Amino acid sequence: MNNSRRKFLQYGFLSSSVFLFNGCTLFGVTTPYATIKVLQNDLVPQAEELEIHVISYMHIVFKHKRIAKSDKEFLKNGVKWLNEESIKSYHKEYVKLAKHQRESLLQSIAKTSWGESFLYDIMNYTFEAMLGDPIYGGNNKQAGWKWLEFQGGIPRPKKVYI
């Protein structure tokens, strides 16, 4: 298997399609990657400003065998549910909403059990990417550490452990 095909298969979860329904009608198709990227920027805008690569970190999370399949499925379902709520409220996918509409939608879903858990998980992974060792792909050039004026642990890992 060549390297580009291997990468494609590794990242397949984030690039896999999520079908969005409005009632019983197919409304659209999105990817967890697209929604998570916009969502994490809405929740923690400093991550984008610092050029933290949350999605690179998420690739590691989604391909790692120690992350429960049920946790990965919950994230994928959360993307689907978020988009379905967006369609119900605004007749658009989450990534196509104006910023104030996304904020309103997030406030609304945060009051639900699934929404609170989903937003918690996204924020948790975002902060892990921002504050973890750069070897894990998120904390680009130690930007998260510099932002907090934090000195990373020594010795630093030489390989990815998760």
Protein backbone atom coordinates (compact mmCIF):
# COMPACT_ATOMS: atom_id res chain seq x y z
CA MET A 1 0.00 0.00 0.00
CA ASN A 2 1.55 3.35 -0.93
CA ASN A 3 1.99 6.14 1.63
CA SER A 4 -0.81 8.42 0.37
CA ARG A 5 -3.35 5.58 0.41
CA ARG A 6 -2.23 4.58 3.93
CA LYS A 7 -2.72 8.18 5.14
CA PHE A 8 -6.13 8.27 3.47
CA LEU A 9 -7.18 5.11 5.31
CA GLN A 10 -5.74 6.32 8.62
CA TYR A 11 -7.70 9.53 8.40
CA GLY A 12 -10.80 7.85 7.04
CA PHE A 13 -12.89 8.42 10.16
CA LEU A 14 -12.59 12.19 10.03
CA SER A 15 -13.14 12.31 6.31
CA SER A 16 -15.99 9.79 6.30
CA SER A 17 -19.36 11.13 5.38
CA VAL A 18 -22.06 12.01 7.86
CA PHE A 19 -25.52 12.03 6.31
CA LEU A 20 -27.75 14.83 7.56
CA PHE A 21 -31.50 14.49 7.63
CA ASN A 22 -34.27 17.02 7.96
CA GLY A 23 -37.05 14.81 9.25
CA CYS A 24 -37.06 11.85 6.85
CA THR A 25 -35.46 13.78 3.97
CA LEU A 26 -31.73 13.71 3.22
CA PHE A 27 -30.60 17.33 3.61
CA GLY A 28 -26.87 17.11 3.06
CA VAL A 29 -23.59 15.36 3.69
CA THR A 30 -20.65 16.62 5.73
CA THR A 31 -17.50 15.27 7.35
CA PRO A 32 -16.60 15.24 11.04
CA TYR A 33 -13.36 17.01 10.04
CA ALA A 34 -15.11 20.09 8.64
CA THR A 35 -17.53 20.47 11.52
CA ILE A 36 -15.00 19.81 14.29
CA LYS A 37 -12.60 22.37 12.83
CA VAL A 38 -15.21 25.16 12.87
CA LEU A 39 -16.60 24.03 16.22
CA GLN A 40 -13.25 24.01 17.98
CA ASN A 41 -12.53 27.48 16.59
CA ASP A 42 -15.88 28.69 17.96
CA LEU A 43 -15.22 27.17 21.40
CA VAL A 44 -11.53 28.06 21.74
CA PRO A 45 -10.64 30.80 19.23
CA GLN A 46 -7.14 31.09 20.69
CA ALA A 47 -6.32 27.68 19.21
CA GLU A 48 -6.62 29.04 15.67
CA GLU A 49 -4.83 32.27 16.55
CA LEU A 50 -1.94 30.23 17.95
CA GLU A 51 -1.99 27.93 14.90
CA ILE A 52 -2.68 24.90 17.06
CA HIS A 53 -3.33 21.90 14.82
CA VAL A 54 -6.27 20.33 16.64
CA ILE A 55 -7.30 18.25 13.65
CA SER A 56 -3.79 16.75 13.40
CA TYR A 57 -4.14 15.74 17.03
CA MET A 58 -7.62 14.36 16.37
CA HIS A 59 -6.19 12.12 13.64
CA ILE A 60 -4.01 10.47 16.30
CA VAL A 61 -6.96 10.15 18.67
CA PHE A 62 -9.24 8.58 16.06
CA LYS A 63 -6.72 6.02 14.85
CA HIS A 64 -5.47 4.97 18.27
CA LYS A 65 -6.63 1.57 19.47
CA ARG A 66 -6.83 2.64 23.14
CA ILE A 67 -9.53 5.20 22.43
CA ALA A 68 -12.81 3.34 22.75
CA LYS A 69 -14.80 2.83 19.57
CA SER A 70 -17.85 4.09 21.46
CA ASP A 71 -16.05 7.38 22.19
CA LYS A 72 -15.18 7.81 18.53
CA GLU A 73 -18.74 7.00 17.52
CA PHE A 74 -20.10 9.51 20.05
CA LEU A 75 -17.98 12.25 18.46
CA LYS A 76 -19.19 11.30 14.99
CA ASN A 77 -22.80 11.20 16.21
CA GLY A 78 -22.29 14.54 17.97
CA VAL A 79 -21.27 16.07 14.64
CA LYS A 80 -24.39 14.60 13.07
CA TRP A 81 -26.69 15.79 15.87
CA LEU A 82 -25.14 19.27 15.88
CA ASN A 83 -25.71 19.58 12.15
CA GLU A 84 -29.25 18.24 12.39
CA GLU A 85 -30.05 20.82 15.09
CA SER A 86 -28.53 23.47 12.84
CA ILE A 87 -30.73 22.35 9.95
CA LYS A 88 -33.83 22.35 12.17
CA SER A 89 -33.11 25.85 13.46
CA TYR A 90 -31.53 27.60 10.47
CA HIS A 91 -31.98 25.32 7.44
CA LYS A 92 -28.18 25.20 7.01
CA GLU A 93 -25.31 22.98 8.08
CA TYR A 94 -23.32 24.20 11.09
CA VAL A 95 -20.29 25.23 9.04
CA LYS A 96 -22.47 27.46 6.83
CA LEU A 97 -24.02 29.44 9.69
CA ALA A 98 -23.03 32.98 10.65
CA LYS A 99 -20.98 33.23 13.84
CA HIS A 100 -23.89 34.58 15.91
CA GLN A 101 -26.09 31.70 14.73
CA ARG A 102 -23.44 29.15 15.69
CA GLU A 103 -23.11 30.76 19.14
CA SER A 104 -26.87 30.62 19.66
CA LEU A 105 -27.00 27.00 18.55
CA LEU A 106 -24.15 26.03 20.88
CA GLN A 107 -25.91 27.68 23.81
CA SER A 108 -29.04 25.72 22.94
CA ILE A 109 -27.42 22.29 22.62
CA ALA A 110 -25.31 22.86 25.75
CA LYS A 111 -28.59 22.55 27.68
CA THR A 112 -29.08 18.98 26.42
CA SER A 113 -27.38 15.91 27.85
CA TRP A 114 -25.73 14.88 24.58
CA GLY A 115 -24.77 18.47 23.73
CA GLU A 116 -23.10 19.15 27.06
CA SER A 117 -21.08 15.91 26.78
CA PHE A 118 -20.20 16.50 23.14
CA LEU A 119 -19.00 20.07 23.73
CA TYR A 120 -17.02 18.91 26.77
CA ASP A 121 -15.28 16.25 24.68
CA ILE A 122 -14.45 18.70 21.87
CA MET A 123 -13.06 21.23 24.36
CA ASN A 124 -11.10 18.52 26.15
CA TYR A 125 -9.43 17.36 22.92
CA THR A 126 -8.79 20.97 21.91
CA PHE A 127 -7.00 21.70 25.19
CA GLU A 128 -5.06 18.43 24.95
CA ALA A 129 -3.88 19.50 21.48
CA MET A 130 -2.98 22.99 22.72
CA LEU A 131 -1.12 21.88 25.83
CA GLY A 132 0.31 18.50 24.90
CA ASP A 133 3.82 17.91 23.68
CA PRO A 134 4.29 19.03 20.06
CA ILE A 135 5.16 15.44 19.12
CA TYR A 136 1.42 14.71 19.18
CA GLY A 137 0.78 17.08 16.29
CA GLY A 138 -1.30 19.82 17.93
CA ASN A 139 0.92 22.18 19.90
CA ASN A 140 2.68 23.61 16.84
CA LYS A 141 6.06 25.16 17.74
CA GLN A 142 5.08 24.94 21.43
CA ALA A 143 2.62 27.79 20.83
CA GLY A 144 0.23 26.64 23.56
CA TRP A 145 3.06 26.47 26.07
CA LYS A 146 4.36 29.88 25.09
CA TRP A 147 0.84 31.32 25.37
CA LEU A 148 0.69 30.14 28.99
CA GLU A 149 4.38 30.84 29.63
CA PHE A 150 4.81 27.16 30.48
CA GLN A 151 7.98 25.09 30.18
CA GLY A 152 7.19 21.61 28.84
CA GLY A 153 8.23 18.51 30.74
CA ILE A 154 11.75 17.22 30.45
CA PRO A 155 12.66 14.77 29.11
CA ARG A 156 10.29 15.20 26.21
CA PRO A 157 8.88 12.10 24.53
CA LYS A 158 10.78 10.78 21.54
CA LYS A 159 7.75 8.95 20.11
CA VAL A 160 3.97 9.18 20.31
CA TYR A 161 2.67 7.14 23.25
CA ILE A 162 -1.10 7.39 22.89
